[in-house]
Amino acid sequence: MAAREFVRACKEERDALLAMFSDASAGTIVGQHLDAAQLNSEQRRNVIAALDAALTDTFYTLLMGLAGEASLGGRQQAYRLSDEMGRPISPSEHADLGDLAFEAFQAD
Protein backbone atom coordinates (compact mmCIF):
# COMPACT_ATOMS: atom_id res chain seq x y z
CA MET A 1 0.00 0.00 0.00
CA ALA A 2 1.37 3.39 -0.96
CA ALA A 3 1.15 6.48 1.26
CA ARG A 4 -1.61 7.95 -0.91
CA GLU A 5 -3.69 4.78 -0.54
CA PHE A 6 -3.08 4.75 3.22
CA VAL A 7 -4.29 8.34 3.60
CA ARG A 8 -7.25 7.65 1.31
CA ALA A 9 -8.18 4.64 3.49
CA CYS A 10 -7.98 6.85 6.59
CA LYS A 11 -10.24 9.45 4.93
CA GLU A 12 -12.72 6.75 3.91
CA GLU A 13 -12.75 5.41 7.48
CA ARG A 14 -13.37 8.90 8.86
CA ASP A 15 -16.24 9.40 6.39
CA ALA A 16 -17.73 5.99 7.24
CA LEU A 17 -17.57 6.73 10.97
CA LEU A 18 -19.29 10.08 10.53
CA ALA A 19 -22.02 8.49 8.41
CA MET A 20 -22.51 5.74 10.98
CA PHE A 21 -22.61 8.21 13.89
CA SER A 22 -25.08 10.38 11.97
CA ASP A 23 -27.44 7.49 11.22
CA ALA A 24 -29.92 7.11 14.08
CA SER A 25 -30.69 3.54 13.02
CA ALA A 26 -27.03 2.39 13.00
CA GLY A 27 -27.15 1.40 16.66
CA THR A 28 -23.84 3.03 17.64
CA ILE A 29 -23.10 4.26 21.14
CA VAL A 30 -22.70 7.75 19.68
CA GLY A 31 -26.12 7.48 18.07
CA GLN A 32 -27.63 6.28 21.33
CA HIS A 33 -26.21 9.33 23.11
CA LEU A 34 -27.59 11.61 20.40
CA ASP A 35 -31.01 9.99 20.69
CA ALA A 36 -30.94 10.24 24.48
CA ALA A 37 -30.21 13.96 24.22
CA GLN A 38 -33.54 14.42 22.39
CA LEU A 39 -32.13 17.12 20.13
CA ASN A 40 -34.23 19.00 17.64
CA SER A 41 -33.10 18.79 14.01
CA GLU A 42 -31.00 21.98 14.14
CA GLN A 43 -29.26 20.91 17.34
CA ARG A 44 -28.59 17.46 15.88
CA ARG A 45 -27.06 19.08 12.76
CA ASN A 46 -24.81 21.18 15.00
CA VAL A 47 -23.67 18.16 17.00
CA ILE A 48 -23.00 16.21 13.78
CA ALA A 49 -20.99 19.19 12.50
CA ALA A 50 -18.96 19.11 15.73
CA LEU A 51 -18.38 15.36 15.30
CA ASP A 52 -17.32 16.01 11.70
CA ALA A 53 -14.74 18.56 12.86
CA ALA A 54 -13.54 16.33 15.70
CA LEU A 55 -13.07 13.30 13.43
CA THR A 56 -11.29 15.39 10.82
CA ASP A 57 -8.92 16.89 13.40
CA THR A 58 -8.30 13.50 15.01
CA PHE A 59 -7.43 11.67 11.80
CA TYR A 60 -5.35 14.60 10.51
CA THR A 61 -3.42 14.91 13.78
CA LEU A 62 -2.77 11.17 13.89
CA LEU A 63 -1.44 11.15 10.33
CA MET A 64 0.68 14.25 10.98
CA GLY A 65 2.00 12.60 14.13
CA LEU A 66 2.93 9.45 12.23
CA ALA A 67 4.74 11.62 9.70
CA GLY A 68 6.67 13.32 12.52
CA GLU A 69 5.06 16.67 11.79
CA ALA A 70 3.01 16.82 15.00
CA SER A 71 3.31 15.30 18.45
CA LEU A 72 1.49 12.18 19.57
CA GLY A 73 1.12 11.90 23.32
CA GLY A 74 3.58 14.72 23.85
CA ARG A 75 6.30 13.13 21.71
CA GLN A 76 7.20 14.27 18.24
CA GLN A 77 9.06 11.79 16.10
CA ALA A 78 8.64 10.24 12.68
CA TYR A 79 7.37 6.68 12.51
CA ARG A 80 8.07 4.09 9.86
CA LEU A 81 4.93 2.52 8.47
CA SER A 82 4.91 -0.50 6.23
CA ASP A 83 2.25 -2.76 4.78
CA GLU A 84 2.02 -6.47 5.58
CA MET A 85 4.47 -7.24 2.79
CA GLY A 86 7.07 -4.97 4.41
CA ARG A 87 6.81 -2.28 1.72
CA PRO A 88 7.22 1.20 3.21
CA ILE A 89 4.19 3.45 3.43
CA SER A 90 5.98 6.23 5.25
CA PRO A 91 8.49 7.62 4.90
CA SER A 92 8.16 7.25 1.17
CA GLU A 93 10.20 8.54 -1.71
CA HIS A 94 7.01 8.98 -3.72
CA ALA A 95 4.77 11.00 -1.40
CA ASP A 96 4.94 12.79 1.93
CA LEU A 97 2.37 11.52 4.44
CA GLY A 98 1.97 14.99 5.93
CA ASP A 99 1.29 16.61 2.56
CA LEU A 100 -1.20 13.89 1.66
CA ALA A 101 -2.92 14.25 5.04
CA PHE A 102 -3.26 18.00 4.49
CA GLU A 103 -4.65 17.42 1.01
CA ALA A 104 -7.18 14.86 2.24
CA PHE A 105 -8.33 16.48 5.46
CA GLN A 106 -7.59 20.21 5.40
CA ALA A 107 -7.63 21.40 1.80
CA ASP A 108 -11.45 21.63 1.64
C-alpha atoms as a PDB file:
ATOM      1  CA  MET A   1       0.000   0.000   0.000  1.00  0.00           C
ATOM      2  CA  ALA A   2       1.368   3.385  -0.956  1.00  0.00           C
ATOM      3  CA  ALA A   3       1.151   6.475   1.258  1.00  0.00           C
ATOM      4  CA  ARG A   4      -1.612   7.952  -0.915  1.00  0.00           C
ATOM      5  CA  GLU A   5      -3.687   4.783  -0.540  1.00  0.00           C
ATOM      6  CA  PHE A   6      -3.082   4.752   3.222  1.00  0.00           C
ATOM      7  CA  VAL A   7      -4.287   8.338   3.596  1.00  0.00           C
ATOM      8  CA  ARG A   8      -7.246   7.652   1.306  1.00  0.00           C
ATOM      9  CA  ALA A   9      -8.184   4.643   3.488  1.00  0.00           C
ATOM     10  CA  CYS A  10      -7.984   6.849   6.586  1.00  0.00           C
ATOM     11  CA  LYS A  11     -10.241   9.447   4.930  1.00  0.00           C
ATOM     12  CA  GLU A  12     -12.721   6.753   3.908  1.00  0.00           C
ATOM     13  CA  GLU A  13     -12.751   5.413   7.476  1.00  0.00           C
ATOM     14  CA  ARG A  14     -13.371   8.901   8.859  1.00  0.00           C
ATOM     15  CA  ASP A  15     -16.238   9.398   6.392  1.00  0.00           C
ATOM     16  CA  ALA A  16     -17.732   5.991   7.242  1.00  0.00           C
ATOM     17  CA  LEU A  17     -17.566   6.729  10.973  1.00  0.00           C
ATOM     18  CA  LEU A  18     -19.289  10.083  10.527  1.00  0.00           C
ATOM     19  CA  ALA A  19     -22.019   8.486   8.413  1.00  0.00           C
ATOM     20  CA  MET A  20     -22.513   5.742  10.977  1.00  0.00           C
ATOM     21  CA  PHE A  21     -22.606   8.209  13.890  1.00  0.00           C
ATOM     22  CA  SER A  22     -25.085  10.379  11.974  1.00  0.00           C
ATOM     23  CA  ASP A  23     -27.443   7.486  11.217  1.00  0.00           C
ATOM     24  CA  ALA A  24     -29.915   7.113  14.082  1.00  0.00           C
ATOM     25  CA  SER A  25     -30.688   3.538  13.016  1.00  0.00           C
ATOM     26  CA  ALA A  26     -27.025   2.390  12.996  1.00  0.00           C
ATOM     27  CA  GLY A  27     -27.146   1.405  16.663  1.00  0.00           C
ATOM     28  CA  THR A  28     -23.840   3.029  17.641  1.00  0.00           C
ATOM     29  CA  ILE A  29     -23.103   4.260  21.143  1.00  0.00           C
ATOM     30  CA  VAL A  30     -22.701   7.754  19.679  1.00  0.00           C
ATOM     31  CA  GLY A  31     -26.124   7.483  18.065  1.00  0.00           C
ATOM     32  CA  GLN A  32     -27.634   6.277  21.334  1.00  0.00           C
ATOM     33  CA  HIS A  33     -26.214   9.325  23.110  1.00  0.00           C
ATOM     34  CA  LEU A  34     -27.586  11.608  20.403  1.00  0.00           C
ATOM     35  CA  ASP A  35     -31.013   9.991  20.686  1.00  0.00           C
ATOM     36  CA  ALA A  36     -30.936  10.236  24.483  1.00  0.00           C
ATOM     37  CA  ALA A  37     -30.210  13.964  24.221  1.00  0.00           C
ATOM     38  CA  GLN A  38     -33.536  14.424  22.390  1.00  0.00           C
ATOM     39  CA  LEU A  39     -32.126  17.123  20.129  1.00  0.00           C
ATOM     40  CA  ASN A  40     -34.228  19.005  17.638  1.00  0.00           C
ATOM     41  CA  SER A  41     -33.099  18.792  14.009  1.00  0.00           C
ATOM     42  CA  GLU A  42     -31.000  21.983  14.143  1.00  0.00           C
ATOM     43  CA  GLN A  43     -29.265  20.908  17.344  1.00  0.00           C
ATOM     44  CA  ARG A  44     -28.586  17.461  15.885  1.00  0.00           C
ATOM     45  CA  ARG A  45     -27.063  19.081  12.756  1.00  0.00           C
ATOM     46  CA  ASN A  46     -24.811  21.183  14.997  1.00  0.00           C
ATOM     47  CA  VAL A  47     -23.667  18.158  16.999  1.00  0.00           C
ATOM     48  CA  ILE A  48     -23.001  16.209  13.780  1.00  0.00           C
ATOM     49  CA  ALA A  49     -20.993  19.188  12.498  1.00  0.00           C
ATOM     50  CA  ALA A  50     -18.963  19.113  15.733  1.00  0.00           C
ATOM     51  CA  LEU A  51     -18.381  15.359  15.300  1.00  0.00           C
ATOM     52  CA  ASP A  52     -17.319  16.011  11.702  1.00  0.00           C
ATOM     53  CA  ALA A  53     -14.742  18.560  12.858  1.00  0.00           C
ATOM     54  CA  ALA A  54     -13.539  16.325  15.701  1.00  0.00           C
ATOM     55  CA  LEU A  55     -13.067  13.299  13.435  1.00  0.00           C
ATOM     56  CA  THR A  56     -11.286  15.392  10.820  1.00  0.00           C
ATOM     57  CA  ASP A  57      -8.925  16.889  13.399  1.00  0.00           C
ATOM     58  CA  THR A  58      -8.303  13.495  15.008  1.00  0.00           C
ATOM     59  CA  PHE A  59      -7.427  11.669  11.801  1.00  0.00           C
ATOM     60  CA  TYR A  60      -5.352  14.604  10.513  1.00  0.00           C
ATOM     61  CA  THR A  61      -3.421  14.906  13.785  1.00  0.00           C
ATOM     62  CA  LEU A  62      -2.773  11.174  13.894  1.00  0.00           C
ATOM     63  CA  LEU A  63      -1.435  11.153  10.328  1.00  0.00           C
ATOM     64  CA  MET A  64       0.677  14.254  10.978  1.00  0.00           C
ATOM     65  CA  GLY A  65       2.004  12.599  14.132  1.00  0.00           C
ATOM     66  CA  LEU A  66       2.931   9.446  12.234  1.00  0.00           C
ATOM     67  CA  ALA A  67       4.741  11.618   9.700  1.00  0.00           C
ATOM     68  CA  GLY A  68       6.665  13.315  12.522  1.00  0.00           C
ATOM     69  CA  GLU A  69       5.061  16.672  11.785  1.00  0.00           C
ATOM     70  CA  ALA A  70       3.008  16.820  15.005  1.00  0.00           C
ATOM     71  CA  SER A  71       3.305  15.298  18.446  1.00  0.00           C
ATOM     72  CA  LEU A  72       1.489  12.177  19.572  1.00  0.00           C
ATOM     73  CA  GLY A  73       1.121  11.902  23.317  1.00  0.00           C
ATOM     74  CA  GLY A  74       3.577  14.717  23.847  1.00  0.00           C
ATOM     75  CA  ARG A  75       6.303  13.125  21.705  1.00  0.00           C
ATOM     76  CA  GLN A  76       7.200  14.269  18.244  1.00  0.00           C
ATOM     77  CA  GLN A  77       9.061  11.793  16.099  1.00  0.00           C
ATOM     78  CA  ALA A  78       8.636  10.235  12.680  1.00  0.00           C
ATOM     79  CA  TYR A  79       7.370   6.676  12.510  1.00  0.00           C
ATOM     80  CA  ARG A  80       8.071   4.086   9.861  1.00  0.00           C
ATOM     81  CA  LEU A  81       4.926   2.518   8.474  1.00  0.00           C
ATOM     82  CA  SER A  82       4.911  -0.504   6.228  1.00  0.00           C
ATOM     83  CA  ASP A  83       2.252  -2.763   4.775  1.00  0.00           C
ATOM     84  CA  GLU A  84       2.019  -6.469   5.579  1.00  0.00           C
ATOM     85  CA  MET A  85       4.465  -7.242   2.786  1.00  0.00           C
ATOM     86  CA  GLY A  86       7.070  -4.965   4.405  1.00  0.00           C
ATOM     87  CA  ARG A  87       6.811  -2.276   1.722  1.00  0.00           C
ATOM     88  CA  PRO A  88       7.217   1.201   3.211  1.00  0.00           C
ATOM     89  CA  ILE A  89       4.187   3.450   3.428  1.00  0.00           C
ATOM     90  CA  SER A  90       5.978   6.230   5.247  1.00  0.00           C
ATOM     91  CA  PRO A  91       8.488   7.620   4.905  1.00  0.00           C
ATOM     92  CA  SER A  92       8.160   7.254   1.174  1.00  0.00           C
ATOM     93  CA  GLU A  93      10.203   8.536  -1.710  1.00  0.00           C
ATOM     94  CA  HIS A  94       7.005   8.984  -3.722  1.00  0.00           C
ATOM     95  CA  ALA A  95       4.771  10.998  -1.402  1.00  0.00           C
ATOM     96  CA  ASP A  96       4.943  12.795   1.932  1.00  0.00           C
ATOM     97  CA  LEU A  97       2.373  11.520   4.442  1.00  0.00           C
ATOM     98  CA  GLY A  98       1.972  14.993   5.934  1.00  0.00           C
ATOM     99  CA  ASP A  99       1.294  16.615   2.564  1.00  0.00           C
ATOM    100  CA  LEU A 100      -1.199  13.892   1.664  1.00  0.00           C
ATOM    101  CA  ALA A 101      -2.924  14.254   5.038  1.00  0.00           C
ATOM    102  CA  PHE A 102      -3.259  17.998   4.488  1.00  0.00           C
ATOM    103  CA  GLU A 103      -4.647  17.416   1.008  1.00  0.00           C
ATOM    104  CA  ALA A 104      -7.179  14.861   2.239  1.00  0.00           C
ATOM    105  CA  PHE A 105      -8.327  16.484   5.464  1.00  0.00           C
ATOM    106  CA  GLN A 106      -7.585  20.211   5.405  1.00  0.00           C
ATOM    107  CA  ALA A 107      -7.630  21.397   1.797  1.00  0.00           C
ATOM    108  CA  ASP A 108     -11.448  21.632   1.637  1.00  0.00           C
END
